[in-house]
């Protein structure tokens, strides 16, 4: 392992829960620290159902779960008003 891939210097490590910045609906787990290319560290992330792309570090942030849909909307974790409306309807029992 070269010094650029030293696990102690990386923002994320295998097992960390992360969220895609460009698509906040994608939440996954880092499974591998990949190459460091052009000044950017890459990670393989398991988003489930066989979806395990390499993701650049700037497009990842730590996933912090919250029970309040409005907090997710304000923080940018949910970007679509339709999504927030669906979550709120579900949590209020309209889909049960």
PDB file of N, CA and C in Angstrom:
ATOM      1  N   UNK A   1       0.852  -1.178   0.000  1.00  0.00           N
ATOM      2  CA  UNK A   1       0.000   0.000   0.000  1.00  0.00           C
ATOM      3  C   UNK A   1       0.894   1.236   0.000  1.00  0.00           C
ATOM      4  N   UNK A   2       0.676   2.145  -0.938  1.00  0.00           N
ATOM      5  CA  UNK A   2       1.522   3.331  -0.975  1.00  0.00           C
ATOM      6  C   UNK A   2       1.049   4.351   0.060  1.00  0.00           C
ATOM      7  N   UNK A   3       1.869   5.367   0.285  1.00  0.00           N
ATOM      8  CA  UNK A   3       1.567   6.329   1.348  1.00  0.00           C
ATOM      9  C   UNK A   3       0.292   7.112   1.081  1.00  0.00           C
ATOM     10  N   UNK A   4      -0.121   7.288  -0.184  1.00  0.00           N
ATOM     11  CA  UNK A   4      -1.351   8.007  -0.500  1.00  0.00           C
ATOM     12  C   UNK A   4      -2.574   7.213  -0.074  1.00  0.00           C
ATOM     13  N   UNK A   5      -2.455   5.874  -0.017  1.00  0.00           N
ATOM     14  CA  UNK A   5      -3.572   5.036   0.369  1.00  0.00           C
ATOM     15  C   UNK A   5      -3.493   4.600   1.829  1.00  0.00           C
ATOM     16  N   UNK A   6      -2.634   5.226   2.607  1.00  0.00           N
ATOM     17  CA  UNK A   6      -2.538   4.910   4.028  1.00  0.00           C
ATOM     18  C   UNK A   6      -3.901   5.173   4.660  1.00  0.00           C
ATOM     19  N   UNK A   7      -4.505   4.126   5.232  1.00  0.00           N
ATOM     20  CA  UNK A   7      -5.863   4.211   5.759  1.00  0.00           C
ATOM     21  C   UNK A   7      -6.024   5.295   6.819  1.00  0.00           C
ATOM     22  N   UNK A   8      -4.964   5.613   7.561  1.00  0.00           N
ATOM     23  CA  UNK A   8      -5.061   6.624   8.613  1.00  0.00           C
ATOM     24  C   UNK A   8      -5.229   8.028   8.052  1.00  0.00           C
ATOM     25  N   UNK A   9      -4.881   8.247   6.775  1.00  0.00           N
ATOM     26  CA  UNK A   9      -4.987   9.573   6.172  1.00  0.00           C
ATOM     27  C   UNK A   9      -6.295   9.790   5.421  1.00  0.00           C
ATOM     28  N   UNK A  10      -7.105   8.748   5.251  1.00  0.00           N
ATOM     29  CA  UNK A  10      -8.326   8.850   4.478  1.00  0.00           C
ATOM     30  C   UNK A  10      -9.483   9.364   5.326  1.00  0.00           C
ATOM     31  N   UNK A  11     -10.386  10.086   4.679  1.00  0.00           N
ATOM     32  CA  UNK A  11     -11.555  10.627   5.361  1.00  0.00           C
ATOM     33  C   UNK A  11     -12.506   9.515   5.793  1.00  0.00           C
ATOM     34  N   UNK A  12     -12.605   8.453   4.964  1.00  0.00           N
ATOM     35  CA  UNK A  12     -13.495   7.338   5.259  1.00  0.00           C
ATOM     36  C   UNK A  12     -12.704   6.046   5.330  1.00  0.00           C
ATOM     37  N   UNK A  13     -13.249   5.069   6.033  1.00  0.00           N
ATOM     38  CA  UNK A  13     -12.630   3.748   6.118  1.00  0.00           C
ATOM     39  C   UNK A  13     -13.706   2.697   5.855  1.00  0.00           C
ATOM     40  N   UNK A  14     -13.310   1.488   5.488  1.00  0.00           N
ATOM     41  CA  UNK A  14     -14.307   0.441   5.262  1.00  0.00           C
ATOM     42  C   UNK A  14     -15.231   0.290   6.475  1.00  0.00           C
ATOM     43  N   UNK A  15     -16.516   0.188   6.183  1.00  0.00           N
ATOM     44  CA  UNK A  15     -17.526   0.071   7.236  1.00  0.00           C
ATOM     45  C   UNK A  15     -18.238   1.376   7.542  1.00  0.00           C
ATOM     46  N   UNK A  16     -17.688   2.507   7.101  1.00  0.00           N
ATOM     47  CA  UNK A  16     -18.333   3.799   7.359  1.00  0.00           C
ATOM     48  C   UNK A  16     -19.597   3.940   6.516  1.00  0.00           C
ATOM     49  N   UNK A  17     -20.682   4.428   7.131  1.00  0.00           N
ATOM     50  CA  UNK A  17     -21.898   4.740   6.390  1.00  0.00           C
ATOM     51  C   UNK A  17     -21.734   6.116   5.755  1.00  0.00           C
ATOM     52  N   UNK A  18     -22.031   6.197   4.462  1.00  0.00           N
ATOM     53  CA  UNK A  18     -21.870   7.443   3.720  1.00  0.00           C
ATOM     54  C   UNK A  18     -23.119   7.727   2.892  1.00  0.00           C
ATOM     55  N   UNK A  19     -23.202   8.972   2.466  1.00  0.00           N
ATOM     56  CA  UNK A  19     -24.300   9.438   1.622  1.00  0.00           C
ATOM     57  C   UNK A  19     -23.702  10.188   0.444  1.00  0.00           C
ATOM     58  N   UNK A  20     -24.285   9.984  -0.730  1.00  0.00           N
ATOM     59  CA  UNK A  20     -23.827  10.697  -1.916  1.00  0.00           C
ATOM     60  C   UNK A  20     -24.266  12.148  -1.827  1.00  0.00           C
ATOM     61  N   UNK A  21     -23.344  13.060  -2.067  1.00  0.00           N
ATOM     62  CA  UNK A  21     -23.671  14.490  -2.060  1.00  0.00           C
ATOM     63  C   UNK A  21     -24.505  14.838  -3.290  1.00  0.00           C
ATOM     64  N   UNK A  22     -24.157  14.266  -4.439  1.00  0.00           N
ATOM     65  CA  UNK A  22     -24.871  14.586  -5.681  1.00  0.00           C
ATOM     66  C   UNK A  22     -26.238  13.922  -5.770  1.00  0.00           C
ATOM     67  N   UNK A  23     -26.457  12.829  -5.035  1.00  0.00           N
ATOM     68  CA  UNK A  23     -27.749  12.140  -5.005  1.00  0.00           C
ATOM     69  C   UNK A  23     -28.007  11.670  -3.583  1.00  0.00           C
ATOM     70  N   UNK A  24     -28.543  12.552  -2.729  1.00  0.00           N
ATOM     71  CA  UNK A  24     -28.709  12.241  -1.310  1.00  0.00           C
ATOM     72  C   UNK A  24     -29.583  11.023  -1.011  1.00  0.00           C
ATOM     73  N   UNK A  25     -30.321  10.539  -1.998  1.00  0.00           N
ATOM     74  CA  UNK A  25     -31.134   9.343  -1.759  1.00  0.00           C
ATOM     75  C   UNK A  25     -30.262   8.084  -1.706  1.00  0.00           C
ATOM     76  N   UNK A  26     -29.002   8.177  -2.137  1.00  0.00           N
ATOM     77  CA  UNK A  26     -28.088   7.036  -2.133  1.00  0.00           C
ATOM     78  C   UNK A  26     -27.287   7.014  -0.831  1.00  0.00           C
ATOM     79  N   UNK A  27     -27.566   6.017  -0.022  1.00  0.00           N
ATOM     80  CA  UNK A  27     -26.885   5.826   1.257  1.00  0.00           C
ATOM     81  C   UNK A  27     -26.252   4.445   1.217  1.00  0.00           C
ATOM     82  N   UNK A  28     -24.978   4.369   1.581  1.00  0.00           N
ATOM     83  CA  UNK A  28     -24.299   3.083   1.504  1.00  0.00           C
ATOM     84  C   UNK A  28     -23.180   2.952   2.514  1.00  0.00           C
ATOM     85  N   UNK A  29     -22.385   1.904   2.310  1.00  0.00           N
ATOM     86  CA  UNK A  29     -21.277   1.588   3.209  1.00  0.00           C
ATOM     87  C   UNK A  29     -19.996   1.479   2.389  1.00  0.00           C
ATOM     88  N   UNK A  30     -18.940   2.142   2.859  1.00  0.00           N
ATOM     89  CA  UNK A  30     -17.634   2.038   2.206  1.00  0.00           C
ATOM     90  C   UNK A  30     -17.137   0.606   2.386  1.00  0.00           C
ATOM     91  N   UNK A  31     -16.769  -0.038   1.265  1.00  0.00           N
ATOM     92  CA  UNK A  31     -16.265  -1.409   1.336  1.00  0.00           C
ATOM     93  C   UNK A  31     -14.792  -1.518   0.952  1.00  0.00           C
ATOM     94  N   UNK A  32     -14.265  -0.473   0.288  1.00  0.00           N
ATOM     95  CA  UNK A  32     -12.867  -0.537  -0.148  1.00  0.00           C
ATOM     96  C   UNK A  32     -12.323   0.869  -0.363  1.00  0.00           C
ATOM     97  N   UNK A  33     -11.073   1.069   0.029  1.00  0.00           N
ATOM     98  CA  UNK A  33     -10.373   2.303  -0.301  1.00  0.00           C
ATOM     99  C   UNK A  33      -9.653   2.044  -1.608  1.00  0.00           C
ATOM    100  N   UNK A  34      -9.986   2.802  -2.628  1.00  0.00           N
ATOM    101  CA  UNK A  34      -9.425   2.583  -3.962  1.00  0.00           C
ATOM    102  C   UNK A  34      -8.265   3.549  -4.206  1.00  0.00           C
ATOM    103  N   UNK A  35      -8.015   3.839  -5.468  1.00  0.00           N
ATOM    104  CA  UNK A  35      -6.867   4.652  -5.843  1.00  0.00           C
ATOM    105  C   UNK A  35      -7.027   6.127  -5.454  1.00  0.00           C
ATOM    106  N   UNK A  36      -5.890   6.765  -5.381  1.00  0.00           N
ATOM    107  CA  UNK A  36      -5.803   8.213  -5.200  1.00  0.00           C
ATOM    108  C   UNK A  36      -5.342   8.738  -6.544  1.00  0.00           C
ATOM    109  N   UNK A  37      -6.222   9.451  -7.244  1.00  0.00           N
ATOM    110  CA  UNK A  37      -5.923   9.873  -8.608  1.00  0.00           C
ATOM    111  C   UNK A  37      -6.216  11.358  -8.780  1.00  0.00           C
ATOM    112  N   UNK A  38      -5.255  12.085  -9.345  1.00  0.00           N
ATOM    113  CA  UNK A  38      -5.393  13.520  -9.615  1.00  0.00           C
ATOM    114  C   UNK A  38      -5.811  14.298  -8.367  1.00  0.00           C
ATOM    115  N   UNK A  39      -5.238  13.904  -7.244  1.00  0.00           N
ATOM    116  CA  UNK A  39      -5.510  14.615  -6.000  1.00  0.00           C
ATOM    117  C   UNK A  39      -6.820  14.241  -5.325  1.00  0.00           C
ATOM    118  N   UNK A  40      -7.500  13.221  -5.828  1.00  0.00           N
ATOM    119  CA  UNK A  40      -8.798  12.814  -5.273  1.00  0.00           C
ATOM    120  C   UNK A  40      -8.737  11.356  -4.837  1.00  0.00           C
ATOM    121  N   UNK A  41      -9.179  11.091  -3.614  1.00  0.00           N
ATOM    122  CA  UNK A  41      -9.268   9.720  -3.109  1.00  0.00           C
ATOM    123  C   UNK A  41     -10.597   9.116  -3.565  1.00  0.00           C
ATOM    124  N   UNK A  42     -10.558   7.867  -4.028  1.00  0.00           N
ATOM    125  CA  UNK A  42     -11.747   7.156  -4.479  1.00  0.00           C
ATOM    126  C   UNK A  42     -12.047   6.006  -3.523  1.00  0.00           C
ATOM    127  N   UNK A  43     -13.342   5.699  -3.380  1.00  0.00           N
ATOM    128  CA  UNK A  43     -13.806   4.628  -2.506  1.00  0.00           C
ATOM    129  C   UNK A  43     -14.828   3.777  -3.246  1.00  0.00           C
ATOM    130  N   UNK A  44     -14.838   2.474  -2.973  1.00  0.00           N
ATOM    131  CA  UNK A  44     -15.924   1.634  -3.477  1.00  0.00           C
ATOM    132  C   UNK A  44     -16.990   1.615  -2.392  1.00  0.00           C
ATOM    133  N   UNK A  45     -18.231   1.937  -2.801  1.00  0.00           N
ATOM    134  CA  UNK A  45     -19.342   2.048  -1.852  1.00  0.00           C
ATOM    135  C   UNK A  45     -20.435   1.055  -2.240  1.00  0.00           C
ATOM    136  N   UNK A  46     -20.925   0.306  -1.260  1.00  0.00           N
ATOM    137  CA  UNK A  46     -22.026  -0.623  -1.479  1.00  0.00           C
ATOM    138  C   UNK A  46     -23.332   0.110  -1.185  1.00  0.00           C
ATOM    139  N   UNK A  47     -24.079   0.390  -2.260  1.00  0.00           N
ATOM    140  CA  UNK A  47     -25.384   1.036  -2.121  1.00  0.00           C
ATOM    141  C   UNK A  47     -26.515   0.007  -2.122  1.00  0.00           C
ATOM    142  N   UNK A  48     -26.179  -1.282  -2.139  1.00  0.00           N
ATOM    143  CA  UNK A  48     -27.175  -2.348  -2.117  1.00  0.00           C
ATOM    144  C   UNK A  48     -27.539  -2.818  -3.508  1.00  0.00           C
ATOM    145  N   UNK A  49     -28.179  -3.986  -3.566  1.00  0.00           N
ATOM    146  CA  UNK A  49     -28.666  -4.590  -4.816  1.00  0.00           C
ATOM    147  C   UNK A  49     -27.570  -4.663  -5.890  1.00  0.00           C
ATOM    148  N   UNK A  50     -26.354  -4.967  -5.477  1.00  0.00           N
ATOM    149  CA  UNK A  50     -25.262  -5.106  -6.435  1.00  0.00           C
ATOM    150  C   UNK A  50     -24.690  -3.802  -6.954  1.00  0.00           C
ATOM    151  N   UNK A  51     -25.138  -2.676  -6.420  1.00  0.00           N
ATOM    152  CA  UNK A  51     -24.657  -1.349  -6.839  1.00  0.00           C
ATOM    153  C   UNK A  51     -23.455  -0.989  -5.973  1.00  0.00           C
ATOM    154  N   UNK A  52     -22.228  -1.182  -6.524  1.00  0.00           N
ATOM    155  CA  UNK A  52     -20.989  -0.935  -5.776  1.00  0.00           C
ATOM    156  C   UNK A  52     -20.020  -0.090  -6.598  1.00  0.00           C
ATOM    157  N   UNK A  53     -20.381   1.147  -6.916  1.00  0.00           N
ATOM    158  CA  UNK A  53     -19.507   1.977  -7.754  1.00  0.00           C
ATOM    159  C   UNK A  53     -18.324   2.547  -6.966  1.00  0.00           C
ATOM    160  N   UNK A  54     -17.321   2.983  -7.734  1.00  0.00           N
ATOM    161  CA  UNK A  54     -16.242   3.784  -7.143  1.00  0.00           C
ATOM    162  C   UNK A  54     -16.754   5.216  -7.096  1.00  0.00           C
ATOM    163  N   UNK A  55     -16.567   5.854  -5.946  1.00  0.00           N
ATOM    164  CA  UNK A  55     -17.056   7.219  -5.737  1.00  0.00           C
ATOM    165  C   UNK A  55     -15.902   8.113  -5.293  1.00  0.00           C
ATOM    166  N   UNK A  56     -15.835   9.347  -5.817  1.00  0.00           N
ATOM    167  CA  UNK A  56     -14.788  10.273  -5.376  1.00  0.00           C
ATOM    168  C   UNK A  56     -15.131  10.842  -3.998  1.00  0.00           C
ATOM    169  N   UNK A  57     -14.105  11.070  -3.204  1.00  0.00           N
ATOM    170  CA  UNK A  57     -14.309  11.582  -1.848  1.00  0.00           C
ATOM    171  C   UNK A  57     -15.171  12.845  -1.787  1.00  0.00           C
ATOM    172  N   UNK A  58     -14.999  13.819  -2.718  1.00  0.00           N
ATOM    173  CA  UNK A  58     -15.828  15.032  -2.625  1.00  0.00           C
ATOM    174  C   UNK A  58     -17.335  14.772  -2.806  1.00  0.00           C
ATOM    175  N   UNK A  59     -17.704  13.616  -3.375  1.00  0.00           N
ATOM    176  CA  UNK A  59     -19.117  13.296  -3.560  1.00  0.00           C
ATOM    177  C   UNK A  59     -19.666  12.444  -2.422  1.00  0.00           C
ATOM    178  N   UNK A  60     -18.901  12.290  -1.345  1.00  0.00           N
ATOM    179  CA  UNK A  60     -19.360  11.520  -0.197  1.00  0.00           C
ATOM    180  C   UNK A  60     -19.339  12.374   1.060  1.00  0.00           C
ATOM    181  N   UNK A  61     -20.299  12.103   1.917  1.00  0.00           N
ATOM    182  CA  UNK A  61     -20.311  12.725   3.247  1.00  0.00           C
ATOM    183  C   UNK A  61     -20.769  11.663   4.238  1.00  0.00           C
ATOM    184  N   UNK A  62     -20.398  11.812   5.509  1.00  0.00           N
ATOM    185  CA  UNK A  62     -20.855  10.841   6.502  1.00  0.00           C
ATOM    186  C   UNK A  62     -22.385  10.858   6.571  1.00  0.00           C
ATOM    187  N   UNK A  63     -22.976   9.681   6.691  1.00  0.00           N
ATOM    188  CA  UNK A  63     -24.429   9.603   6.825  1.00  0.00           C
ATOM    189  C   UNK A  63     -24.801   9.737   8.289  1.00  0.00           C
ATOM    190  N   UNK A  64     -25.671  10.692   8.575  1.00  0.00           N
ATOM    191  CA  UNK A  64     -26.164  10.911   9.930  1.00  0.00           C
ATOM    192  C   UNK A  64     -27.681  10.776   9.885  1.00  0.00           C
ATOM    193  N   UNK A  65     -28.227   9.656  10.385  1.00  0.00           N
ATOM    194  CA  UNK A  65     -29.667   9.454  10.310  1.00  0.00           C
ATOM    195  C   UNK A  65     -30.425  10.424  11.213  1.00  0.00           C
ATOM    196  N   UNK A  66     -31.626  10.747  10.801  1.00  0.00           N
ATOM    197  CA  UNK A  66     -32.497  11.595  11.602  1.00  0.00           C
ATOM    198  C   UNK A  66     -33.924  11.112  11.419  1.00  0.00           C
ATOM    199  N   UNK A  67     -34.748  11.301  12.429  1.00  0.00           N
ATOM    200  CA  UNK A  67     -36.144  10.870  12.363  1.00  0.00           C
ATOM    201  C   UNK A  67     -37.060  11.960  11.840  1.00  0.00           C
ATOM    202  N   UNK A  68     -36.548  13.168  11.668  1.00  0.00           N
ATOM    203  CA  UNK A  68     -37.391  14.286  11.254  1.00  0.00           C
ATOM    204  C   UNK A  68     -37.183  14.578   9.772  1.00  0.00           C
ATOM    205  N   UNK A  69     -38.183  14.299   8.928  1.00  0.00           N
ATOM    206  CA  UNK A  69     -38.048  14.569   7.494  1.00  0.00           C
ATOM    207  C   UNK A  69     -37.703  16.019   7.178  1.00  0.00           C
ATOM    208  N   UNK A  70     -38.226  16.966   7.969  1.00  0.00           N
ATOM    209  CA  UNK A  70     -37.936  18.375   7.689  1.00  0.00           C
ATOM    210  C   UNK A  70     -36.450  18.681   7.913  1.00  0.00           C
ATOM    211  N   UNK A  71     -35.819  18.007   8.880  1.00  0.00           N
ATOM    212  CA  UNK A  71     -34.379  18.189   9.089  1.00  0.00           C
ATOM    213  C   UNK A  71     -33.594  17.708   7.881  1.00  0.00           C
ATOM    214  N   UNK A  72     -34.018  16.586   7.299  1.00  0.00           N
ATOM    215  CA  UNK A  72     -33.360  16.066   6.098  1.00  0.00           C
ATOM    216  C   UNK A  72     -33.494  17.039   4.936  1.00  0.00           C
ATOM    217  N   UNK A  73     -34.638  17.647   4.777  1.00  0.00           N
ATOM    218  CA  UNK A  73     -34.857  18.601   3.696  1.00  0.00           C
ATOM    219  C   UNK A  73     -33.982  19.839   3.886  1.00  0.00           C
ATOM    220  N   UNK A  74     -33.956  20.365   5.101  1.00  0.00           N
ATOM    221  CA  UNK A  74     -33.167  21.564   5.396  1.00  0.00           C
ATOM    222  C   UNK A  74     -31.677  21.312   5.207  1.00  0.00           C
ATOM    223  N   UNK A  75     -31.199  20.131   5.602  1.00  0.00           N
ATOM    224  CA  UNK A  75     -29.766  19.823   5.505  1.00  0.00           C
ATOM    225  C   UNK A  75     -29.346  19.380   4.109  1.00  0.00           C
ATOM    226  N   UNK A  76     -30.314  19.213   3.201  1.00  0.00           N
ATOM    227  CA  UNK A  76     -29.993  18.822   1.833  1.00  0.00           C
ATOM    228  C   UNK A  76     -29.884  17.330   1.629  1.00  0.00           C
ATOM    229  N   UNK A  77     -30.222  16.527   2.641  1.00  0.00           N
ATOM    230  CA  UNK A  77     -30.173  15.076   2.490  1.00  0.00           C
ATOM    231  C   UNK A  77     -31.314  14.575   1.617  1.00  0.00           C
ATOM    232  N   UNK A  78     -32.401  15.316   1.573  1.00  0.00           N
ATOM    233  CA  UNK A  78     -33.512  15.037   0.661  1.00  0.00           C
ATOM    234  C   UNK A  78     -33.706  16.304  -0.147  1.00  0.00           C
ATOM    235  N   UNK A  79     -33.684  16.179  -1.475  1.00  0.00           N
ATOM    236  CA  UNK A  79     -33.759  17.365  -2.308  1.00  0.00           C
ATOM    237  C   UNK A  79     -35.097  17.534  -3.014  1.00  0.00           C
ATOM    238  N   UNK A  80     -35.931  16.534  -2.983  1.00  0.00           N
ATOM    239  CA  UNK A  80     -37.164  16.568  -3.759  1.00  0.00           C
ATOM    240  C   UNK A  80     -38.365  16.718  -2.826  1.00  0.00           C
ATOM    241  N   UNK A  81     -39.206  17.694  -3.077  1.00  0.00           N
ATOM    242  CA  UNK A  81     -40.384  17.893  -2.238  1.00  0.00           C
ATOM    243  C   UNK A  81     -41.337  16.706  -2.316  1.00  0.00           C
ATOM    244  N   UNK A  82     -41.384  16.017  -3.447  1.00  0.00           N
ATOM    245  CA  UNK A  82     -42.228  14.829  -3.568  1.00  0.00           C
ATOM    246  C   UNK A  82     -41.751  13.751  -2.600  1.00  0.00           C
ATOM    247  N   UNK A  83     -40.453  13.597  -2.471  1.00  0.00           N
ATOM    248  CA  UNK A  83     -39.900  12.609  -1.546  1.00  0.00           C
ATOM    249  C   UNK A  83     -40.265  12.958  -0.118  1.00  0.00           C
ATOM    250  N   UNK A  84     -40.096  14.206   0.270  1.00  0.00           N
ATOM    251  CA  UNK A  84     -40.413  14.611   1.646  1.00  0.00           C
ATOM    252  C   UNK A  84     -41.904  14.453   1.921  1.00  0.00           C
ATOM    253  N   UNK A  85     -42.753  14.771   0.957  1.00  0.00           N
ATOM    254  CA  UNK A  85     -44.192  14.595   1.135  1.00  0.00           C
ATOM    255  C   UNK A  85     -44.544  13.124   1.313  1.00  0.00           C
ATOM    256  N   UNK A  86     -43.899  12.257   0.550  1.00  0.00           N
ATOM    257  CA  UNK A  86     -44.146  10.817   0.665  1.00  0.00           C
ATOM    258  C   UNK A  86     -43.734  10.292   2.034  1.00  0.00           C
ATOM    259  N   UNK A  87     -42.570  10.729   2.513  1.00  0.00           N
ATOM    260  CA  UNK A  87     -42.092  10.288   3.828  1.00  0.00           C
ATOM    261  C   UNK A  87     -43.035  10.770   4.922  1.00  0.00           C
ATOM    262  N   UNK A  88     -43.448  12.006   4.832  1.00  0.00           N
ATOM    263  CA  UNK A  88     -44.341  12.552   5.855  1.00  0.00           C
ATOM    264  C   UNK A  88     -45.686  11.824   5.829  1.00  0.00           C
ATOM    265  N   UNK A  89     -46.217  11.532   4.652  1.00  0.00           N
ATOM    266  CA  UNK A  89     -47.489  10.819   4.556  1.00  0.00           C
ATOM    267  C   UNK A  89     -47.354   9.423   5.163  1.00  0.00           C
ATOM    268  N   UNK A  90     -46.238   8.749   4.883  1.00  0.00           N
ATOM    269  CA  UNK A  90     -46.010   7.416   5.428  1.00  0.00           C
ATOM    270  C   UNK A  90     -45.903   7.467   6.949  1.00  0.00           C
ATOM    271  N   UNK A  91     -45.120   8.402   7.460  1.00  0.00           N
ATOM    272  CA  UNK A  91     -44.918   8.497   8.915  1.00  0.00           C
ATOM    273  C   UNK A  91     -46.217   8.863   9.640  1.00  0.00           C
ATOM    274  N   UNK A  92     -47.122   9.557   8.949  1.00  0.00           N
ATOM    275  CA  UNK A  92     -48.390   9.948   9.575  1.00  0.00           C
ATOM    276  C   UNK A  92     -49.488   8.900   9.363  1.00  0.00           C
ATOM    277  N   UNK A  93     -49.133   7.776   8.757  1.00  0.00           N
ATOM    278  CA  UNK A  93     -50.071   6.661   8.648  1.00  0.00           C
ATOM    279  C   UNK A  93     -50.980   6.699   7.441  1.00  0.00           C
ATOM    280  N   UNK A  94     -50.768   7.589   6.498  1.00  0.00           N
ATOM    281  CA  UNK A  94     -51.655   7.675   5.345  1.00  0.00           C
ATOM    282  C   UNK A  94     -51.486   6.499   4.398  1.00  0.00           C
ATOM    283  N   UNK A  95     -50.360   5.773   4.482  1.00  0.00           N
ATOM    284  CA  UNK A  95     -50.128   4.655   3.564  1.00  0.00           C
ATOM    285  C   UNK A  95     -50.220   3.314   4.275  1.00  0.00           C
ATOM    286  N   UNK A  96     -50.730   3.312   5.462  1.00  0.00           N
ATOM    287  CA  UNK A  96     -50.821   2.039   6.218  1.00  0.00           C
ATOM    288  C   UNK A  96     -52.179   1.436   6.061  1.00  0.00           C
TER     289      UNK A  96
END
